Amino acid sequence: MKALLGIWVAVLLGAAGWIGWDAWKGNSPSIGGPFALTDQNGRTVTSDSLKGKPTLIYFGYTYCPDVCPTALLLMETAVDQIGPDTAKKVNLVFITIDPERDTRELIKGYVSNFGETFIGLTGTPAEIAAAAKAYRVYYQKVPGKDGSPYLMDHSSIVYLLDSRGRFVTHFTHETKAEQIAAALKKQL
């Protein structure tokens, strides 16, 4: 278990470092890209359909025991701190990295726990892999032990995109809601 945690932390730090290095070097980080996935209501959502509002995106899975619900709560809290109508002015997006289990119905119930404006997205394994690659998201299935269900090892980063769908910055699990709110407020 400690080895798995160590690998997860190394991957998270590596992804954050890679993004940070690009930004520090003055390069426009090549994060994000076109995707077409299915939302919790069966509608197709594309990267283009999210344009017009700033967007917070998180890749995770509904069976996640800790970091995923924490990240989504952090996103919701940041939006709530800005003001009561802010949730209507921002896209809050959850993209599953476990399309095998995360059905539209399951995602619908899951994202509703974090606010009525959350968009939960799923797709085929190939569609999810393409979206994850565009955002530099690491994920891998980890077999369960003693008959327990499998888990998904994954990076845990919240991405902020501007209203034109361009990457602005990212946040790790150590980020405070106030920091996300301040960055998001600049995009409104």
C-alpha atoms as a PDB file:
ATOM      1  CA  MET A   1       0.000   0.000   0.000  1.00  0.00           C
ATOM      2  CA  LYS A   2       2.852   2.405   0.828  1.00  0.00           C
ATOM      3  CA  ALA A   3       4.476   1.624  -2.513  1.00  0.00           C
ATOM      4  CA  LEU A   4       1.227   2.398  -4.331  1.00  0.00           C
ATOM      5  CA  LEU A   5       0.860   5.666  -2.438  1.00  0.00           C
ATOM      6  CA  GLY A   6       4.470   6.536  -3.284  1.00  0.00           C
ATOM      7  CA  ILE A   7       3.846   5.883  -6.966  1.00  0.00           C
ATOM      8  CA  TRP A   8       0.689   7.988  -6.894  1.00  0.00           C
ATOM      9  CA  VAL A   9       2.492  10.907  -5.225  1.00  0.00           C
ATOM     10  CA  ALA A  10       5.381  10.652  -7.708  1.00  0.00           C
ATOM     11  CA  VAL A  11       2.986  10.700 -10.665  1.00  0.00           C
ATOM     12  CA  LEU A  12       1.081  13.660  -9.247  1.00  0.00           C
ATOM     13  CA  LEU A  13       4.255  15.612  -8.605  1.00  0.00           C
ATOM     14  CA  GLY A  14       5.605  14.697 -12.025  1.00  0.00           C
ATOM     15  CA  ALA A  15       2.459  15.912 -13.798  1.00  0.00           C
ATOM     16  CA  ALA A  16       2.344  19.136 -11.796  1.00  0.00           C
ATOM     17  CA  GLY A  17       6.066  19.654 -12.385  1.00  0.00           C
ATOM     18  CA  TRP A  18       5.711  19.119 -16.115  1.00  0.00           C
ATOM     19  CA  ILE A  19       2.918  21.686 -16.326  1.00  0.00           C
ATOM     20  CA  GLY A  20       4.790  24.096 -14.062  1.00  0.00           C
ATOM     21  CA  TRP A  21       8.005  23.738 -16.072  1.00  0.00           C
ATOM     22  CA  ASP A  22       6.196  24.680 -19.284  1.00  0.00           C
ATOM     23  CA  ALA A  23       4.667  27.724 -17.626  1.00  0.00           C
ATOM     24  CA  TRP A  24       7.978  28.800 -16.051  1.00  0.00           C
ATOM     25  CA  LYS A  25       9.786  28.488 -19.376  1.00  0.00           C
ATOM     26  CA  GLY A  26       7.190  30.795 -20.906  1.00  0.00           C
ATOM     27  CA  ASN A  27       5.842  28.064 -23.124  1.00  0.00           C
ATOM     28  CA  SER A  28       2.156  27.883 -23.664  1.00  0.00           C
ATOM     29  CA  PRO A  29       1.463  24.512 -22.077  1.00  0.00           C
ATOM     30  CA  SER A  30      -0.100  22.099 -24.519  1.00  0.00           C
ATOM     31  CA  ILE A  31      -2.854  21.083 -22.162  1.00  0.00           C
ATOM     32  CA  GLY A  32      -6.333  20.364 -23.351  1.00  0.00           C
ATOM     33  CA  GLY A  33      -7.731  19.663 -26.743  1.00  0.00           C
ATOM     34  CA  PRO A  34     -10.823  18.609 -28.579  1.00  0.00           C
ATOM     35  CA  PHE A  35     -13.051  15.898 -27.157  1.00  0.00           C
ATOM     36  CA  ALA A  36     -16.594  14.638 -27.583  1.00  0.00           C
ATOM     37  CA  LEU A  37     -18.060  12.763 -24.618  1.00  0.00           C
ATOM     38  CA  THR A  38     -21.506  11.950 -23.261  1.00  0.00           C
ATOM     39  CA  ASP A  39     -22.955  13.750 -20.253  1.00  0.00           C
ATOM     40  CA  GLN A  40     -25.056  12.294 -17.448  1.00  0.00           C
ATOM     41  CA  ASN A  41     -28.230  13.040 -19.418  1.00  0.00           C
ATOM     42  CA  GLY A  42     -27.122  11.329 -22.634  1.00  0.00           C
ATOM     43  CA  ARG A  43     -26.200  14.507 -24.505  1.00  0.00           C
ATOM     44  CA  THR A  44     -22.947  14.910 -26.404  1.00  0.00           C
ATOM     45  CA  VAL A  45     -20.650  17.504 -24.848  1.00  0.00           C
ATOM     46  CA  THR A  46     -17.636  18.696 -26.775  1.00  0.00           C
ATOM     47  CA  SER A  47     -14.732  20.895 -25.822  1.00  0.00           C
ATOM     48  CA  ASP A  48     -16.281  23.521 -28.141  1.00  0.00           C
ATOM     49  CA  SER A  49     -19.675  23.364 -26.415  1.00  0.00           C
ATOM     50  CA  LEU A  50     -17.987  24.370 -23.141  1.00  0.00           C
ATOM     51  CA  LYS A  51     -16.679  27.608 -24.654  1.00  0.00           C
ATOM     52  CA  GLY A  52     -18.315  30.820 -23.539  1.00  0.00           C
ATOM     53  CA  LYS A  53     -17.714  30.221 -19.829  1.00  0.00           C
ATOM     54  CA  PRO A  54     -14.608  29.537 -17.759  1.00  0.00           C
ATOM     55  CA  THR A  55     -14.299  25.815 -17.044  1.00  0.00           C
ATOM     56  CA  LEU A  56     -12.956  23.762 -14.160  1.00  0.00           C
ATOM     57  CA  ILE A  57     -12.253  20.153 -15.210  1.00  0.00           C
ATOM     58  CA  TYR A  58     -11.365  17.180 -13.036  1.00  0.00           C
ATOM     59  CA  PHE A  59     -10.640  13.610 -14.154  1.00  0.00           C
ATOM     60  CA  GLY A  60     -11.596  10.933 -11.630  1.00  0.00           C
ATOM     61  CA  TYR A  61     -14.040   8.118 -10.971  1.00  0.00           C
ATOM     62  CA  THR A  62     -17.153   7.583  -8.894  1.00  0.00           C
ATOM     63  CA  TYR A  63     -15.758   4.690  -6.834  1.00  0.00           C
ATOM     64  CA  CYS A  64     -12.817   6.827  -5.683  1.00  0.00           C
ATOM     65  CA  PRO A  65     -12.660   6.685  -1.892  1.00  0.00           C
ATOM     66  CA  ASP A  66     -10.987  10.025  -1.232  1.00  0.00           C
ATOM     67  CA  VAL A  67      -9.283  12.419  -3.684  1.00  0.00           C
ATOM     68  CA  CYS A  68     -12.099  12.615  -6.250  1.00  0.00           C
ATOM     69  CA  PRO A  69     -14.897  13.690  -3.918  1.00  0.00           C
ATOM     70  CA  THR A  70     -12.465  16.051  -2.191  1.00  0.00           C
ATOM     71  CA  ALA A  71     -11.506  17.689  -5.507  1.00  0.00           C
ATOM     72  CA  LEU A  72     -15.121  18.095  -6.623  1.00  0.00           C
ATOM     73  CA  LEU A  73     -16.062  19.573  -3.256  1.00  0.00           C
ATOM     74  CA  LEU A  74     -13.115  21.964  -3.588  1.00  0.00           C
ATOM     75  CA  MET A  75     -14.379  23.082  -7.017  1.00  0.00           C
ATOM     76  CA  GLU A  76     -17.903  23.598  -5.681  1.00  0.00           C
ATOM     77  CA  THR A  77     -16.636  25.494  -2.623  1.00  0.00           C
ATOM     78  CA  ALA A  78     -14.493  27.809  -4.766  1.00  0.00           C
ATOM     79  CA  VAL A  79     -17.452  28.673  -6.984  1.00  0.00           C
ATOM     80  CA  ASP A  80     -19.719  29.220  -3.973  1.00  0.00           C
ATOM     81  CA  GLN A  81     -17.175  31.614  -2.440  1.00  0.00           C
ATOM     82  CA  ILE A  82     -17.420  33.938  -5.434  1.00  0.00           C
ATOM     83  CA  GLY A  83     -21.160  34.400  -5.218  1.00  0.00           C
ATOM     84  CA  PRO A  84     -24.576  32.770  -5.385  1.00  0.00           C
ATOM     85  CA  ASP A  85     -25.009  32.963  -9.185  1.00  0.00           C
ATOM     86  CA  THR A  86     -21.455  31.989 -10.083  1.00  0.00           C
ATOM     87  CA  ALA A  87     -22.283  28.309 -10.660  1.00  0.00           C
ATOM     88  CA  LYS A  88     -24.362  29.381 -13.677  1.00  0.00           C
ATOM     89  CA  LYS A  89     -21.396  31.319 -15.100  1.00  0.00           C
ATOM     90  CA  VAL A  90     -18.856  28.485 -14.858  1.00  0.00           C
ATOM     91  CA  ASN A  91     -18.634  24.992 -16.310  1.00  0.00           C
ATOM     92  CA  LEU A  92     -17.870  22.476 -13.574  1.00  0.00           C
ATOM     93  CA  VAL A  93     -16.838  19.268 -15.322  1.00  0.00           C
ATOM     94  CA  PHE A  94     -16.083  15.779 -14.034  1.00  0.00           C
ATOM     95  CA  ILE A  95     -14.652  13.328 -16.601  1.00  0.00           C
ATOM     96  CA  THR A  96     -14.516   9.683 -15.594  1.00  0.00           C
ATOM     97  CA  ILE A  97     -11.353   7.666 -16.075  1.00  0.00           C
ATOM     98  CA  ASP A  98     -13.347   4.491 -15.354  1.00  0.00           C
ATOM     99  CA  PRO A  99     -15.913   4.187 -18.157  1.00  0.00           C
ATOM    100  CA  GLU A 100     -16.179   0.450 -17.473  1.00  0.00           C
ATOM    101  CA  ARG A 101     -18.124   1.094 -14.249  1.00  0.00           C
ATOM    102  CA  ASP A 102     -19.130   4.745 -14.481  1.00  0.00           C
ATOM    103  CA  THR A 103     -22.383   4.635 -16.384  1.00  0.00           C
ATOM    104  CA  ARG A 104     -24.312   7.794 -17.194  1.00  0.00           C
ATOM    105  CA  GLU A 105     -26.802   6.970 -14.452  1.00  0.00           C
ATOM    106  CA  LEU A 106     -24.089   6.446 -11.850  1.00  0.00           C
ATOM    107  CA  ILE A 107     -22.327   9.658 -12.845  1.00  0.00           C
ATOM    108  CA  LYS A 108     -25.624  11.568 -12.714  1.00  0.00           C
ATOM    109  CA  GLY A 109     -26.175  10.600  -9.091  1.00  0.00           C
ATOM    110  CA  TYR A 110     -22.544  11.210  -8.207  1.00  0.00           C
ATOM    111  CA  VAL A 111     -22.141  14.735  -9.621  1.00  0.00           C
ATOM    112  CA  SER A 112     -25.496  15.835  -8.206  1.00  0.00           C
ATOM    113  CA  ASN A 113     -23.868  15.562  -4.767  1.00  0.00           C
ATOM    114  CA  PHE A 114     -21.598  18.478  -5.683  1.00  0.00           C
ATOM    115  CA  GLY A 115     -24.084  20.888  -7.210  1.00  0.00           C
ATOM    116  CA  GLU A 116     -26.833  20.894  -9.764  1.00  0.00           C
ATOM    117  CA  THR A 117     -24.714  22.537 -12.466  1.00  0.00           C
ATOM    118  CA  PHE A 118     -21.962  19.882 -12.504  1.00  0.00           C
ATOM    119  CA  ILE A 119     -21.471  18.150 -15.843  1.00  0.00           C
ATOM    120  CA  GLY A 120     -20.426  14.504 -15.583  1.00  0.00           C
ATOM    121  CA  LEU A 121     -18.864  13.006 -18.708  1.00  0.00           C
ATOM    122  CA  THR A 122     -18.163   9.493 -19.872  1.00  0.00           C
ATOM    123  CA  GLY A 123     -17.437   7.774 -23.160  1.00  0.00           C
ATOM    124  CA  THR A 124     -15.772   4.777 -24.677  1.00  0.00           C
ATOM    125  CA  PRO A 125     -12.404   3.747 -23.273  1.00  0.00           C
ATOM    126  CA  ALA A 126     -10.766   5.205 -26.422  1.00  0.00           C
ATOM    127  CA  GLU A 127     -12.602   8.536 -26.056  1.00  0.00           C
ATOM    128  CA  ILE A 128     -11.637   8.781 -22.388  1.00  0.00           C
ATOM    129  CA  ALA A 129      -8.020   7.885 -23.190  1.00  0.00           C
ATOM    130  CA  ALA A 130      -7.853  10.609 -25.846  1.00  0.00           C
ATOM    131  CA  ALA A 131      -9.277  13.267 -23.501  1.00  0.00           C
ATOM    132  CA  ALA A 132      -6.962  12.167 -20.678  1.00  0.00           C
ATOM    133  CA  LYS A 133      -3.941  12.290 -22.990  1.00  0.00           C
ATOM    134  CA  ALA A 134      -4.831  15.824 -24.093  1.00  0.00           C
ATOM    135  CA  TYR A 135      -4.852  16.917 -20.442  1.00  0.00           C
ATOM    136  CA  ARG A 136      -1.776  14.869 -19.489  1.00  0.00           C
ATOM    137  CA  VAL A 137      -3.815  12.777 -17.071  1.00  0.00           C
ATOM    138  CA  TYR A 138      -2.308   9.541 -15.788  1.00  0.00           C
ATOM    139  CA  TYR A 139      -4.618   6.681 -14.853  1.00  0.00           C
ATOM    140  CA  GLN A 140      -4.355   2.928 -14.464  1.00  0.00           C
ATOM    141  CA  LYS A 141      -6.549   0.157 -13.115  1.00  0.00           C
ATOM    142  CA  VAL A 142      -5.230  -1.396  -9.895  1.00  0.00           C
ATOM    143  CA  PRO A 143      -6.599  -4.857  -9.032  1.00  0.00           C
ATOM    144  CA  GLY A 144      -8.438  -5.163  -5.747  1.00  0.00           C
ATOM    145  CA  LYS A 145      -7.190  -7.451  -3.026  1.00  0.00           C
ATOM    146  CA  ASP A 146      -9.046 -10.354  -1.454  1.00  0.00           C
ATOM    147  CA  GLY A 147     -12.061  -9.942  -3.728  1.00  0.00           C
ATOM    148  CA  SER A 148     -12.453  -6.208  -3.258  1.00  0.00           C
ATOM    149  CA  PRO A 149     -13.259  -4.093  -6.330  1.00  0.00           C
ATOM    150  CA  TYR A 150     -10.459  -2.608  -8.366  1.00  0.00           C
ATOM    151  CA  LEU A 151      -9.318   0.965  -7.832  1.00  0.00           C
ATOM    152  CA  MET A 152      -8.016   3.486 -10.325  1.00  0.00           C
ATOM    153  CA  ASP A 153      -4.622   5.008  -9.715  1.00  0.00           C
ATOM    154  CA  HIS A 154      -4.692   8.511 -11.249  1.00  0.00           C
ATOM    155  CA  SER A 155      -3.313  12.005 -11.198  1.00  0.00           C
ATOM    156  CA  SER A 156      -5.423  14.471  -9.240  1.00  0.00           C
ATOM    157  CA  ILE A 157      -5.414  17.895 -10.872  1.00  0.00           C
ATOM    158  CA  VAL A 158      -8.142  20.488 -11.376  1.00  0.00           C
ATOM    159  CA  TYR A 159      -7.694  22.365 -14.648  1.00  0.00           C
ATOM    160  CA  LEU A 160      -8.883  25.937 -15.225  1.00  0.00           C
ATOM    161  CA  LEU A 161      -9.722  26.912 -18.801  1.00  0.00           C
ATOM    162  CA  ASP A 162     -10.740  30.378 -19.954  1.00  0.00           C
ATOM    163  CA  SER A 163     -13.996  31.068 -21.781  1.00  0.00           C
ATOM    164  CA  ARG A 164     -12.282  30.295 -25.111  1.00  0.00           C
ATOM    165  CA  GLY A 165     -11.301  26.827 -23.898  1.00  0.00           C
ATOM    166  CA  ARG A 166      -7.615  27.623 -23.383  1.00  0.00           C
ATOM    167  CA  PHE A 167      -5.629  26.304 -20.438  1.00  0.00           C
ATOM    168  CA  VAL A 168      -5.028  28.963 -17.766  1.00  0.00           C
ATOM    169  CA  THR A 169      -3.620  27.061 -14.792  1.00  0.00           C
ATOM    170  CA  HIS A 170      -3.991  23.939 -12.684  1.00  0.00           C
ATOM    171  CA  PHE A 171      -4.537  23.164  -9.023  1.00  0.00           C
ATOM    172  CA  THR A 172      -3.340  20.222  -6.965  1.00  0.00           C
ATOM    173  CA  HIS A 173      -4.852  18.552  -3.904  1.00  0.00           C
ATOM    174  CA  GLU A 174      -2.965  21.056  -1.737  1.00  0.00           C
ATOM    175  CA  THR A 175      -4.717  24.083  -3.239  1.00  0.00           C
ATOM    176  CA  LYS A 176      -7.225  25.965  -1.102  1.00  0.00           C
ATOM    177  CA  ALA A 177     -10.689  26.873  -2.383  1.00  0.00           C
ATOM    178  CA  GLU A 178      -9.780  30.554  -1.956  1.00  0.00           C
ATOM    179  CA  GLN A 179      -6.929  30.189  -4.463  1.00  0.00           C
ATOM    180  CA  ILE A 180      -9.203  28.576  -7.037  1.00  0.00           C
ATOM    181  CA  ALA A 181     -11.850  31.248  -6.452  1.00  0.00           C
ATOM    182  CA  ALA A 182      -9.295  34.031  -6.967  1.00  0.00           C
ATOM    183  CA  ALA A 183      -8.041  32.519 -10.238  1.00  0.00           C
ATOM    184  CA  LEU A 184     -11.572  31.841 -11.440  1.00  0.00           C
ATOM    185  CA  LYS A 185     -12.754  35.336 -10.580  1.00  0.00           C
ATOM    186  CA  LYS A 186     -10.165  36.740 -13.012  1.00  0.00           C
ATOM    187  CA  GLN A 187     -11.829  34.723 -15.788  1.00  0.00           C
ATOM    188  CA  LEU A 188     -15.370  35.956 -15.114  1.00  0.00           C
END
